[in-house]
Amino acid sequence: LAIDEGLLYGTLGAARAYSWHTWQDLPNRSKFGNYKIGVVY
């Protein structure tokens, strides 16, 4: 909603995150993740 010179707004959409997760219990190690999708508001 535009009021005078201001704009009050809401937002909603889709997201794509570049993230990684590492699990390590020596001597075992696993890294996983890469690009993941989500919801943003």
PDB file of all heavy atoms in Angstrom:
ATOM      1  N   LEU A   1       0.845  -1.185   0.000  1.00  0.00           N
ATOM      2  CA  LEU A   1       0.000   0.000   0.000  1.00  0.00           C
ATOM      3  C   LEU A   1       0.886   1.243   0.000  1.00  0.00           C
ATOM      4  O   LEU A   1       1.751   1.406   0.866  1.00  0.00           O
ATOM      5  CB  LEU A   1      -0.895   0.006   1.243  1.00  0.00           C
ATOM      6  CG  LEU A   1      -1.857   1.171   1.388  1.00  0.00           C
ATOM      7  CD1 LEU A   1      -2.903   1.130   0.270  1.00  0.00           C
ATOM      8  CD2 LEU A   1      -2.532   1.138   2.757  1.00  0.00           C
ATOM      9  N   ALA A   2       0.677   2.106  -1.000  1.00  0.00           N
ATOM     10  CA  ALA A   2       1.432   3.355  -1.105  1.00  0.00           C
ATOM     11  C   ALA A   2       0.737   4.430  -0.284  1.00  0.00           C
ATOM     12  O   ALA A   2      -0.450   4.696  -0.460  1.00  0.00           O
ATOM     13  CB  ALA A   2       1.544   3.787  -2.565  1.00  0.00           C
ATOM     14  N   ILE A   3       1.481   5.050   0.632  1.00  0.00           N
ATOM     15  CA  ILE A   3       0.972   6.122   1.477  1.00  0.00           C
ATOM     16  C   ILE A   3       1.965   7.271   1.419  1.00  0.00           C
ATOM     17  O   ILE A   3       3.103   7.135   1.883  1.00  0.00           O
ATOM     18  CB  ILE A   3       0.771   5.662   2.931  1.00  0.00           C
ATOM     19  CG1 ILE A   3      -0.150   4.440   2.979  1.00  0.00           C
ATOM     20  CG2 ILE A   3       0.214   6.780   3.787  1.00  0.00           C
ATOM     21  CD1 ILE A   3      -0.304   3.845   4.364  1.00  0.00           C
ATOM     22  N   ASP A   4       1.546   8.388   0.870  1.00  0.00           N
ATOM     23  CA  ASP A   4       2.449   9.519   0.645  1.00  0.00           C
ATOM     24  C   ASP A   4       3.663   9.047  -0.150  1.00  0.00           C
ATOM     25  O   ASP A   4       3.517   8.463  -1.203  1.00  0.00           O
ATOM     26  CB  ASP A   4       2.853  10.150   1.975  1.00  0.00           C
ATOM     27  CG  ASP A   4       1.693  10.842   2.651  1.00  0.00           C
ATOM     28  OD1 ASP A   4       0.759  11.263   1.936  1.00  0.00           O
ATOM     29  OD2 ASP A   4       1.697  10.951   3.880  1.00  0.00           O
ATOM     30  N   GLU A   5       4.863   9.253   0.394  1.00  0.00           N
ATOM     31  CA  GLU A   5       6.089   8.835  -0.287  1.00  0.00           C
ATOM     32  C   GLU A   5       6.589   7.492   0.219  1.00  0.00           C
ATOM     33  O   GLU A   5       7.729   7.107  -0.058  1.00  0.00           O
ATOM     34  CB  GLU A   5       7.180   9.896  -0.093  1.00  0.00           C
ATOM     35  CG  GLU A   5       6.860  11.240  -0.727  1.00  0.00           C
ATOM     36  CD  GLU A   5       6.742  11.145  -2.243  1.00  0.00           C
ATOM     37  OE1 GLU A   5       7.518  10.370  -2.853  1.00  0.00           O
ATOM     38  OE2 GLU A   5       5.885  11.828  -2.817  1.00  0.00           O
ATOM     39  N   GLY A   6       5.764   6.771   0.955  1.00  0.00           N
ATOM     40  CA  GLY A   6       6.170   5.491   1.509  1.00  0.00           C
ATOM     41  C   GLY A   6       5.403   4.328   0.913  1.00  0.00           C
ATOM     42  O   GLY A   6       4.335   4.486   0.318  1.00  0.00           O
ATOM     43  N   LEU A   7       5.964   3.127   1.081  1.00  0.00           N
ATOM     44  CA  LEU A   7       5.339   1.897   0.595  1.00  0.00           C
ATOM     45  C   LEU A   7       5.465   0.845   1.680  1.00  0.00           C
ATOM     46  O   LEU A   7       6.575   0.418   2.040  1.00  0.00           O
ATOM     47  CB  LEU A   7       6.022   1.414  -0.684  1.00  0.00           C
ATOM     48  CG  LEU A   7       5.536   0.068  -1.241  1.00  0.00           C
ATOM     49  CD1 LEU A   7       4.063   0.151  -1.649  1.00  0.00           C
ATOM     50  CD2 LEU A   7       6.393  -0.372  -2.423  1.00  0.00           C
ATOM     51  N   LEU A   8       4.333   0.425   2.219  1.00  0.00           N
ATOM     52  CA  LEU A   8       4.282  -0.659   3.204  1.00  0.00           C
ATOM     53  C   LEU A   8       3.905  -1.933   2.463  1.00  0.00           C
ATOM     54  O   LEU A   8       2.869  -1.982   1.794  1.00  0.00           O
ATOM     55  CB  LEU A   8       3.261  -0.330   4.293  1.00  0.00           C
ATOM     56  CG  LEU A   8       3.116  -1.340   5.426  1.00  0.00           C
ATOM     57  CD1 LEU A   8       4.409  -1.415   6.239  1.00  0.00           C
ATOM     58  CD2 LEU A   8       1.942  -0.957   6.321  1.00  0.00           C
ATOM     59  N   TYR A   9       4.733  -2.984   2.569  1.00  0.00           N
ATOM     60  CA  TYR A   9       4.509  -4.150   1.722  1.00  0.00           C
ATOM     61  C   TYR A   9       4.781  -5.465   2.458  1.00  0.00           C
ATOM     62  O   TYR A   9       5.510  -5.530   3.454  1.00  0.00           O
ATOM     63  CB  TYR A   9       5.392  -4.078   0.472  1.00  0.00           C
ATOM     64  CG  TYR A   9       6.880  -4.139   0.744  1.00  0.00           C
ATOM     65  CD1 TYR A   9       7.551  -5.361   0.796  1.00  0.00           C
ATOM     66  CD2 TYR A   9       7.619  -2.977   0.939  1.00  0.00           C
ATOM     67  CE1 TYR A   9       8.915  -5.417   1.040  1.00  0.00           C
ATOM     68  CE2 TYR A   9       8.983  -3.018   1.181  1.00  0.00           C
ATOM     69  CZ  TYR A   9       9.623  -4.248   1.234  1.00  0.00           C
ATOM     70  OH  TYR A   9      10.968  -4.298   1.485  1.00  0.00           O
ATOM     71  N   GLY A  10       4.174  -6.505   1.929  1.00  0.00           N
ATOM     72  CA  GLY A  10       4.481  -7.878   2.294  1.00  0.00           C
ATOM     73  C   GLY A  10       5.120  -8.574   1.112  1.00  0.00           C
ATOM     74  O   GLY A  10       5.024  -8.102  -0.030  1.00  0.00           O
ATOM     75  N   THR A  11       5.775  -9.701   1.364  1.00  0.00           N
ATOM     76  CA  THR A  11       6.464 -10.393   0.284  1.00  0.00           C
ATOM     77  C   THR A  11       6.376 -11.902   0.499  1.00  0.00           C
ATOM     78  O   THR A  11       6.371 -12.382   1.635  1.00  0.00           O
ATOM     79  CB  THR A  11       7.937  -9.939   0.197  1.00  0.00           C
ATOM     80  OG1 THR A  11       8.568 -10.585  -0.910  1.00  0.00           O
ATOM     81  CG2 THR A  11       8.690 -10.246   1.476  1.00  0.00           C
ATOM     82  N   LEU A  12       6.299 -12.637  -0.607  1.00  0.00           N
ATOM     83  CA  LEU A  12       6.166 -14.092  -0.562  1.00  0.00           C
ATOM     84  C   LEU A  12       6.741 -14.670  -1.848  1.00  0.00           C
ATOM     85  O   LEU A  12       6.503 -14.133  -2.938  1.00  0.00           O
ATOM     86  CB  LEU A  12       4.696 -14.486  -0.426  1.00  0.00           C
ATOM     87  CG  LEU A  12       4.361 -15.981  -0.464  1.00  0.00           C
ATOM     88  CD1 LEU A  12       4.922 -16.682   0.769  1.00  0.00           C
ATOM     89  CD2 LEU A  12       2.853 -16.189  -0.562  1.00  0.00           C
ATOM     90  N   GLY A  13       7.510 -15.752  -1.715  1.00  0.00           N
ATOM     91  CA  GLY A  13       8.071 -16.347  -2.918  1.00  0.00           C
ATOM     92  C   GLY A  13       8.884 -17.596  -2.652  1.00  0.00           C
ATOM     93  O   GLY A  13       8.719 -18.267  -1.624  1.00  0.00           O
ATOM     94  N   ALA A  14       9.776 -17.907  -3.589  1.00  0.00           N
ATOM     95  CA  ALA A  14      10.605 -19.108  -3.527  1.00  0.00           C
ATOM     96  C   ALA A  14      12.063 -18.713  -3.335  1.00  0.00           C
ATOM     97  O   ALA A  14      12.497 -17.631  -3.745  1.00  0.00           O
ATOM     98  CB  ALA A  14      10.447 -19.932  -4.804  1.00  0.00           C
ATOM     99  N   ALA A  15      12.826 -19.615  -2.708  1.00  0.00           N
ATOM    100  CA  ALA A  15      14.238 -19.357  -2.425  1.00  0.00           C
ATOM    101  C   ALA A  15      15.084 -20.541  -2.876  1.00  0.00           C
ATOM    102  O   ALA A  15      14.609 -21.686  -2.924  1.00  0.00           O
ATOM    103  CB  ALA A  15      14.444 -19.105  -0.940  1.00  0.00           C
ATOM    104  N   ARG A  16      16.346 -20.226  -3.174  1.00  0.00           N
ATOM    105  CA  ARG A  16      17.325 -21.266  -3.492  1.00  0.00           C
ATOM    106  C   ARG A  16      18.606 -20.960  -2.721  1.00  0.00           C
ATOM    107  O   ARG A  16      19.244 -19.930  -2.947  1.00  0.00           O
ATOM    108  CB  ARG A  16      17.613 -21.318  -4.987  1.00  0.00           C
ATOM    109  CG  ARG A  16      18.445 -22.529  -5.405  1.00  0.00           C
ATOM    110  CD  ARG A  16      18.798 -22.468  -6.881  1.00  0.00           C
ATOM    111  NE  ARG A  16      19.398 -23.713  -7.337  1.00  0.00           N
ATOM    112  CZ  ARG A  16      20.050 -23.843  -8.487  1.00  0.00           C
ATOM    113  NH1 ARG A  16      20.160 -22.807  -9.295  1.00  0.00           N
ATOM    114  NH2 ARG A  16      20.569 -25.006  -8.840  1.00  0.00           N
ATOM    115  N   ALA A  17      18.946 -21.829  -1.785  1.00  0.00           N
ATOM    116  CA  ALA A  17      20.101 -21.607  -0.912  1.00  0.00           C
ATOM    117  C   ALA A  17      21.259 -22.497  -1.347  1.00  0.00           C
ATOM    118  O   ALA A  17      21.063 -23.659  -1.736  1.00  0.00           O
ATOM    119  CB  ALA A  17      19.736 -21.908   0.532  1.00  0.00           C
ATOM    120  N   TYR A  18      22.464 -21.941  -1.249  1.00  0.00           N
ATOM    121  CA  TYR A  18      23.684 -22.712  -1.483  1.00  0.00           C
ATOM    122  C   TYR A  18      24.296 -22.980  -0.115  1.00  0.00           C
ATOM    123  O   TYR A  18      24.943 -22.121   0.471  1.00  0.00           O
ATOM    124  CB  TYR A  18      24.637 -21.929  -2.380  1.00  0.00           C
ATOM    125  CG  TYR A  18      25.905 -22.675  -2.740  1.00  0.00           C
ATOM    126  CD1 TYR A  18      25.876 -24.018  -3.103  1.00  0.00           C
ATOM    127  CD2 TYR A  18      27.126 -22.021  -2.735  1.00  0.00           C
ATOM    128  CE1 TYR A  18      27.027 -24.697  -3.442  1.00  0.00           C
ATOM    129  CE2 TYR A  18      28.296 -22.693  -3.085  1.00  0.00           C
ATOM    130  CZ  TYR A  18      28.245 -24.028  -3.435  1.00  0.00           C
ATOM    131  OH  TYR A  18      29.384 -24.702  -3.766  1.00  0.00           O
ATOM    132  N   SER A  19      24.063 -24.175   0.413  1.00  0.00           N
ATOM    133  CA  SER A  19      24.497 -24.486   1.780  1.00  0.00           C
ATOM    134  C   SER A  19      25.043 -25.904   1.844  1.00  0.00           C
ATOM    135  O   SER A  19      24.697 -26.771   1.024  1.00  0.00           O
ATOM    136  CB  SER A  19      23.331 -24.329   2.767  1.00  0.00           C
ATOM    137  OG  SER A  19      22.275 -25.220   2.459  1.00  0.00           O
ATOM    138  N   TRP A  20      25.892 -26.120   2.873  1.00  0.00           N
ATOM    139  CA  TRP A  20      26.530 -27.425   3.067  1.00  0.00           C
ATOM    140  C   TRP A  20      26.427 -27.840   4.526  1.00  0.00           C
ATOM    141  O   TRP A  20      26.377 -27.005   5.425  1.00  0.00           O
ATOM    142  CB  TRP A  20      28.002 -27.372   2.669  1.00  0.00           C
ATOM    143  CG  TRP A  20      28.233 -27.239   1.209  1.00  0.00           C
ATOM    144  CD1 TRP A  20      28.415 -26.082   0.504  1.00  0.00           C
ATOM    145  CD2 TRP A  20      28.303 -28.300   0.258  1.00  0.00           C
ATOM    146  NE1 TRP A  20      28.587 -26.351  -0.829  1.00  0.00           N
ATOM    147  CE2 TRP A  20      28.527 -27.700  -1.009  1.00  0.00           C
ATOM    148  CE3 TRP A  20      28.187 -29.687   0.346  1.00  0.00           C
ATOM    149  CZ2 TRP A  20      28.651 -28.465  -2.166  1.00  0.00           C
ATOM    150  CZ3 TRP A  20      28.309 -30.436  -0.806  1.00  0.00           C
ATOM    151  CH2 TRP A  20      28.542 -29.831  -2.054  1.00  0.00           C
ATOM    152  N   HIS A  21      26.419 -29.163   4.741  1.00  0.00           N
ATOM    153  CA  HIS A  21      26.426 -29.726   6.088  1.00  0.00           C
ATOM    154  C   HIS A  21      27.486 -30.821   6.146  1.00  0.00           C
ATOM    155  O   HIS A  21      27.596 -31.635   5.230  1.00  0.00           O
ATOM    156  CB  HIS A  21      25.059 -30.318   6.446  1.00  0.00           C
ATOM    157  CG  HIS A  21      23.923 -29.373   6.212  1.00  0.00           C
ATOM    158  ND1 HIS A  21      23.645 -28.311   7.047  1.00  0.00           N
ATOM    159  CD2 HIS A  21      23.013 -29.313   5.215  1.00  0.00           C
ATOM    160  CE1 HIS A  21      22.599 -27.654   6.586  1.00  0.00           C
ATOM    161  NE2 HIS A  21      22.203 -28.233   5.478  1.00  0.00           N
ATOM    162  N   THR A  22      28.250 -30.825   7.240  1.00  0.00           N
ATOM    163  CA  THR A  22      29.305 -31.820   7.413  1.00  0.00           C
ATOM    164  C   THR A  22      29.081 -32.583   8.716  1.00  0.00           C
ATOM    165  O   THR A  22      28.894 -31.972   9.773  1.00  0.00           O
ATOM    166  CB  THR A  22      30.696 -31.162   7.434  1.00  0.00           C
ATOM    167  OG1 THR A  22      30.875 -30.402   6.225  1.00  0.00           O
ATOM    168  CG2 THR A  22      31.787 -32.216   7.527  1.00  0.00           C
ATOM    169  N   TRP A  23      29.073 -33.892   8.614  1.00  0.00           N
ATOM    170  CA  TRP A  23      28.931 -34.812   9.742  1.00  0.00           C
ATOM    171  C   TRP A  23      30.250 -35.554   9.873  1.00  0.00           C
ATOM    172  O   TRP A  23      30.742 -36.146   8.905  1.00  0.00           O
ATOM    173  CB  TRP A  23      27.786 -35.766   9.469  1.00  0.00           C
ATOM    174  CG  TRP A  23      27.489 -36.787  10.530  1.00  0.00           C
ATOM    175  CD1 TRP A  23      26.529 -36.714  11.488  1.00  0.00           C
ATOM    176  CD2 TRP A  23      28.120 -38.064  10.690  1.00  0.00           C
ATOM    177  NE1 TRP A  23      26.530 -37.862  12.257  1.00  0.00           N
ATOM    178  CE2 TRP A  23      27.505 -38.710  11.784  1.00  0.00           C
ATOM    179  CE3 TRP A  23      29.166 -38.725  10.040  1.00  0.00           C
ATOM    180  CZ2 TRP A  23      27.885 -39.970  12.231  1.00  0.00           C
ATOM    181  CZ3 TRP A  23      29.550 -39.978  10.480  1.00  0.00           C
ATOM    182  CH2 TRP A  23      28.901 -40.595  11.568  1.00  0.00           C
ATOM    183  N   GLN A  24      30.875 -35.534  11.065  1.00  0.00           N
ATOM    184  CA  GLN A  24      32.179 -36.180  11.222  1.00  0.00           C
ATOM    185  C   GLN A  24      32.266 -36.878  12.573  1.00  0.00           C
ATOM    186  O   GLN A  24      32.126 -36.246  13.618  1.00  0.00           O
ATOM    187  CB  GLN A  24      33.306 -35.146  11.089  1.00  0.00           C
ATOM    188  CG  GLN A  24      34.700 -35.751  11.216  1.00  0.00           C
ATOM    189  CD  GLN A  24      35.783 -34.781  10.854  1.00  0.00           C
ATOM    190  OE1 GLN A  24      35.980 -34.436   9.688  1.00  0.00           O
ATOM    191  NE2 GLN A  24      36.484 -34.279  11.857  1.00  0.00           N
ATOM    192  N   ASP A  25      32.467 -38.181  12.514  1.00  0.00           N
ATOM    193  CA  ASP A  25      32.725 -39.005  13.693  1.00  0.00           C
ATOM    194  C   ASP A  25      33.906 -39.889  13.304  1.00  0.00           C
ATOM    195  O   ASP A  25      33.736 -40.944  12.709  1.00  0.00           O
ATOM    196  CB  ASP A  25      31.493 -39.838  14.048  1.00  0.00           C
ATOM    197  CG  ASP A  25      31.610 -40.479  15.417  1.00  0.00           C
ATOM    198  OD1 ASP A  25      32.696 -40.389  16.030  1.00  0.00           O
ATOM    199  OD2 ASP A  25      30.612 -41.067  15.881  1.00  0.00           O
ATOM    200  N   LEU A  26      35.110 -39.370  13.566  1.00  0.00           N
ATOM    201  CA  LEU A  26      36.336 -39.981  13.041  1.00  0.00           C
ATOM    202  C   LEU A  26      36.366 -41.480  13.289  1.00  0.00           C
ATOM    203  O   LEU A  26      35.981 -41.953  14.369  1.00  0.00           O
ATOM    204  CB  LEU A  26      37.556 -39.312  13.672  1.00  0.00           C
ATOM    205  CG  LEU A  26      37.750 -37.840  13.289  1.00  0.00           C
ATOM    206  CD1 LEU A  26      38.927 -37.243  14.037  1.00  0.00           C
ATOM    207  CD2 LEU A  26      37.931 -37.708  11.785  1.00  0.00           C
ATOM    208  N   PRO A  27      36.798 -42.223  12.253  1.00  0.00           N
ATOM    209  CA  PRO A  27      37.390 -41.766  10.985  1.00  0.00           C
ATOM    210  C   PRO A  27      36.364 -41.509   9.876  1.00  0.00           C
ATOM    211  O   PRO A  27      36.746 -41.362   8.714  1.00  0.00           O
ATOM    212  CB  PRO A  27      38.291 -42.931  10.605  1.00  0.00           C
ATOM    213  CG  PRO A  27      37.524 -44.130  11.092  1.00  0.00           C
ATOM    214  CD  PRO A  27      36.873 -43.700  12.371  1.00  0.00           C
ATOM    215  N   ASN A  28      35.089 -41.488  10.192  1.00  0.00           N
ATOM    216  CA  ASN A  28      34.066 -41.321   9.164  1.00  0.00           C
ATOM    217  C   ASN A  28      33.688 -39.848   9.017  1.00  0.00           C
ATOM    218  O   ASN A  28      33.591 -39.107  10.007  1.00  0.00           O
ATOM    219  CB  ASN A  28      32.826 -42.126   9.538  1.00  0.00           C
ATOM    220  CG  ASN A  28      33.120 -43.610   9.647  1.00  0.00           C
ATOM    221  OD1 ASN A  28      33.459 -44.253   8.664  1.00  0.00           O
ATOM    222  ND2 ASN A  28      33.003 -44.157  10.856  1.00  0.00           N
ATOM    223  N   ARG A  29      33.444 -39.449   7.770  1.00  0.00           N
ATOM    224  CA  ARG A  29      33.098 -38.056   7.474  1.00  0.00           C
ATOM    225  C   ARG A  29      32.173 -38.011   6.267  1.00  0.00           C
ATOM    226  O   ARG A  29      32.380 -38.728   5.289  1.00  0.00           O
ATOM    227  CB  ARG A  29      34.359 -37.226   7.201  1.00  0.00           C
ATOM    228  CG  ARG A  29      34.110 -35.753   6.951  1.00  0.00           C
ATOM    229  CD  ARG A  29      35.448 -35.033   6.787  1.00  0.00           C
ATOM    230  NE  ARG A  29      35.286 -33.600   6.646  1.00  0.00           N
ATOM    231  CZ  ARG A  29      35.124 -32.980   5.488  1.00  0.00           C
ATOM    232  NH1 ARG A  29      35.117 -33.681   4.356  1.00  0.00           N
ATOM    233  NH2 ARG A  29      34.992 -31.663   5.433  1.00  0.00           N
ATOM    234  N   SER A  30      31.141 -37.169   6.331  1.00  0.00           N
ATOM    235  CA  SER A  30      30.199 -37.030   5.219  1.00  0.00           C
ATOM    236  C   SER A  30      29.839 -35.556   5.062  1.00  0.00           C
ATOM    237  O   SER A  30      29.498 -34.876   6.033  1.00  0.00           O
ATOM    238  CB  SER A  30      28.934 -37.851   5.483  1.00  0.00           C
ATOM    239  OG  SER A  30      28.015 -37.708   4.432  1.00  0.00           O
ATOM    240  N   LYS A  31      29.907 -35.067   3.832  1.00  0.00           N
ATOM    241  CA  LYS A  31      29.547 -33.688   3.516  1.00  0.00           C
ATOM    242  C   LYS A  31      28.448 -33.707   2.465  1.00  0.00           C
ATOM    243  O   LYS A  31      28.583 -34.364   1.430  1.00  0.00           O
ATOM    244  CB  LYS A  31      30.757 -32.908   3.013  1.00  0.00           C
ATOM    245  CG  LYS A  31      30.472 -31.420   2.767  1.00  0.00           C
ATOM    246  CD  LYS A  31      31.741 -30.665   2.405  1.00  0.00           C
ATOM    247  CE  LYS A  31      31.453 -29.180   2.211  1.00  0.00           C
ATOM    248  NZ  LYS A  31      32.674 -28.402   1.891  1.00  0.00           N
ATOM    249  N   PHE A  32      27.359 -32.997   2.712  1.00  0.00           N
ATOM    250  CA  PHE A  32      26.245 -33.021   1.785  1.00  0.00           C
ATOM    251  C   PHE A  32      25.532 -31.674   1.804  1.00  0.00           C
ATOM    252  O   PHE A  32      25.703 -30.869   2.710  1.00  0.00           O
ATOM    253  CB  PHE A  32      25.262 -34.151   2.121  1.00  0.00           C
ATOM    254  CG  PHE A  32      24.755 -34.128   3.535  1.00  0.00           C
ATOM    255  CD1 PHE A  32      23.534 -33.577   3.845  1.00  0.00           C
ATOM    256  CD2 PHE A  32      25.519 -34.679   4.557  1.00  0.00           C
ATOM    257  CE1 PHE A  32      23.062 -33.559   5.140  1.00  0.00           C
ATOM    258  CE2 PHE A  32      25.055 -34.673   5.870  1.00  0.00           C
ATOM    259  CZ  PHE A  32      23.827 -34.109   6.168  1.00  0.00           C
ATOM    260  N   GLY A  33      24.709 -31.449   0.783  1.00  0.00           N
ATOM    261  CA  GLY A  33      23.974 -30.185   0.689  1.00  0.00           C
ATOM    262  C   GLY A  33      23.892 -29.696  -0.741  1.00  0.00           C
ATOM    263  O   GLY A  33      23.154 -30.208  -1.557  1.00  0.00           O
ATOM    264  N   ASN A  34      24.707 -28.667  -1.048  1.00  0.00           N
ATOM    265  CA  ASN A  34      24.695 -27.997  -2.343  1.00  0.00           C
ATOM    266  C   ASN A  34      23.464 -27.094  -2.437  1.00  0.00           C
ATOM    267  O   ASN A  34      23.081 -26.479  -1.449  1.00  0.00           O
ATOM    268  CB  ASN A  34      24.748 -29.000  -3.489  1.00  0.00           C
ATOM    269  CG  ASN A  34      25.390 -28.418  -4.728  1.00  0.00           C
ATOM    270  OD1 ASN A  34      25.455 -27.199  -4.899  1.00  0.00           O
ATOM    271  ND2 ASN A  34      25.867 -29.280  -5.600  1.00  0.00           N
ATOM    272  N   TYR A  35      22.803 -27.014  -3.591  1.00  0.00           N
ATOM    273  CA  TYR A  35      21.666 -26.113  -3.774  1.00  0.00           C
ATOM    274  C   TYR A  35      20.378 -26.755  -3.249  1.00  0.00           C
ATOM    275  O   TYR A  35      20.060 -27.888  -3.593  1.00  0.00           O
ATOM    276  CB  TYR A  35      21.503 -25.749  -5.244  1.00  0.00           C
ATOM    277  CG  TYR A  35      22.593 -24.842  -5.761  1.00  0.00           C
ATOM    278  CD1 TYR A  35      23.628 -25.359  -6.531  1.00  0.00           C
ATOM    279  CD2 TYR A  35      22.581 -23.485  -5.456  1.00  0.00           C
ATOM    280  CE1 TYR A  35      24.638 -24.520  -7.007  1.00  0.00           C
ATOM    281  CE2 TYR A  35      23.581 -22.648  -5.928  1.00  0.00           C
ATOM    282  CZ  TYR A  35      24.605 -23.174  -6.704  1.00  0.00           C
ATOM    283  OH  TYR A  35      25.594 -22.354  -7.156  1.00  0.00           O
ATOM    284  N   LYS A  36      19.637 -25.984  -2.433  1.00  0.00           N
ATOM    285  CA  LYS A  36      18.381 -26.469  -1.867  1.00  0.00           C
ATOM    286  C   LYS A  36      17.330 -25.370  -2.005  1.00  0.00           C
ATOM    287  O   LYS A  36      17.634 -24.185  -1.953  1.00  0.00           O
ATOM    288  CB  LYS A  36      18.553 -26.841  -0.395  1.00  0.00           C
ATOM    289  CG  LYS A  36      19.542 -27.981  -0.171  1.00  0.00           C
ATOM    290  CD  LYS A  36      19.586 -28.400   1.281  1.00  0.00           C
ATOM    291  CE  LYS A  36      20.170 -27.331   2.168  1.00  0.00           C
ATOM    292  NZ  LYS A  36      20.248 -27.754   3.580  1.00  0.00           N
ATOM    293  N   ILE A  37      16.078 -25.782  -2.184  1.00  0.00           N
ATOM    294  CA  ILE A  37      15.007 -24.821  -2.398  1.00  0.00           C
ATOM    295  C   ILE A  37      14.188 -24.651  -1.121  1.00  0.00           C
ATOM    296  O   ILE A  37      14.250 -25.468  -0.197  1.00  0.00           O
ATOM    297  CB  ILE A  37      14.087 -25.246  -3.559  1.00  0.00           C
ATOM    298  CG1 ILE A  37      13.418 -26.593  -3.252  1.00  0.00           C
ATOM    299  CG2 ILE A  37      14.864 -25.315  -4.856  1.00  0.00           C
ATOM    300  CD1 ILE A  37      12.395 -26.993  -4.285  1.00  0.00           C
ATOM    301  N   GLY A  38      13.417 -23.564  -1.080  1.00  0.00           N
ATOM    302  CA  GLY A  38      12.594 -23.292   0.081  1.00  0.00           C
ATOM    303  C   GLY A  38      11.571 -22.209  -0.196  1.00  0.00           C
ATOM    304  O   GLY A  38      11.370 -21.784  -1.343  1.00  0.00           O
ATOM    305  N   VAL A  39      10.931 -21.749   0.867  1.00  0.00           N
ATOM    306  CA  VAL A  39       9.895 -20.724   0.803  1.00  0.00           C
ATOM    307  C   VAL A  39      10.366 -19.506   1.591  1.00  0.00           C
ATOM    308  O   VAL A  39      10.949 -19.636   2.673  1.00  0.00           O
ATOM    309  CB  VAL A  39       8.563 -21.242   1.389  1.00  0.00           C
ATOM    310  CG1 VAL A  39       7.510 -20.145   1.387  1.00  0.00           C
ATOM    311  CG2 VAL A  39       8.079 -22.453   0.616  1.00  0.00           C
ATOM    312  N   VAL A  40      10.115 -18.306   1.052  1.00  0.00           N
ATOM    313  CA  VAL A  40      10.523 -17.067   1.693  1.00  0.00           C
ATOM    314  C   VAL A  40       9.309 -16.164   1.862  1.00  0.00           C
ATOM    315  O   VAL A  40       8.428 -16.115   1.001  1.00  0.00           O
ATOM    316  CB  VAL A  40      11.626 -16.351   0.868  1.00  0.00           C
ATOM    317  CG1 VAL A  40      11.162 -16.060  -0.540  1.00  0.00           C
ATOM    318  CG2 VAL A  40      12.096 -15.086   1.559  1.00  0.00           C
ATOM    319  N   TYR A  41       9.248 -15.462   2.999  1.00  0.00           N
ATOM    320  CA  TYR A  41       8.138 -14.551   3.270  1.00  0.00           C
ATOM    321  C   TYR A  41       8.616 -13.468   4.240  1.00  0.00           C
ATOM    322  O   TYR A  41       9.609 -13.654   4.966  1.00  0.00           O
ATOM    323  CB  TYR A  41       6.940 -15.311   3.866  1.00  0.00           C
ATOM    324  CG  TYR A  41       7.283 -16.113   5.093  1.00  0.00           C
ATOM    325  CD1 TYR A  41       7.166 -15.573   6.368  1.00  0.00           C
ATOM    326  CD2 TYR A  41       7.729 -17.432   4.974  1.00  0.00           C
ATOM    327  CE1 TYR A  41       7.490 -16.315   7.493  1.00  0.00           C
ATOM    328  CE2 TYR A  41       8.055 -18.177   6.085  1.00  0.00           C
ATOM    329  CZ  TYR A  41       7.931 -17.619   7.344  1.00  0.00           C
ATOM    330  OH  TYR A  41       8.257 -18.356   8.444  1.00  0.00           O
TER     331      TYR A  41
END
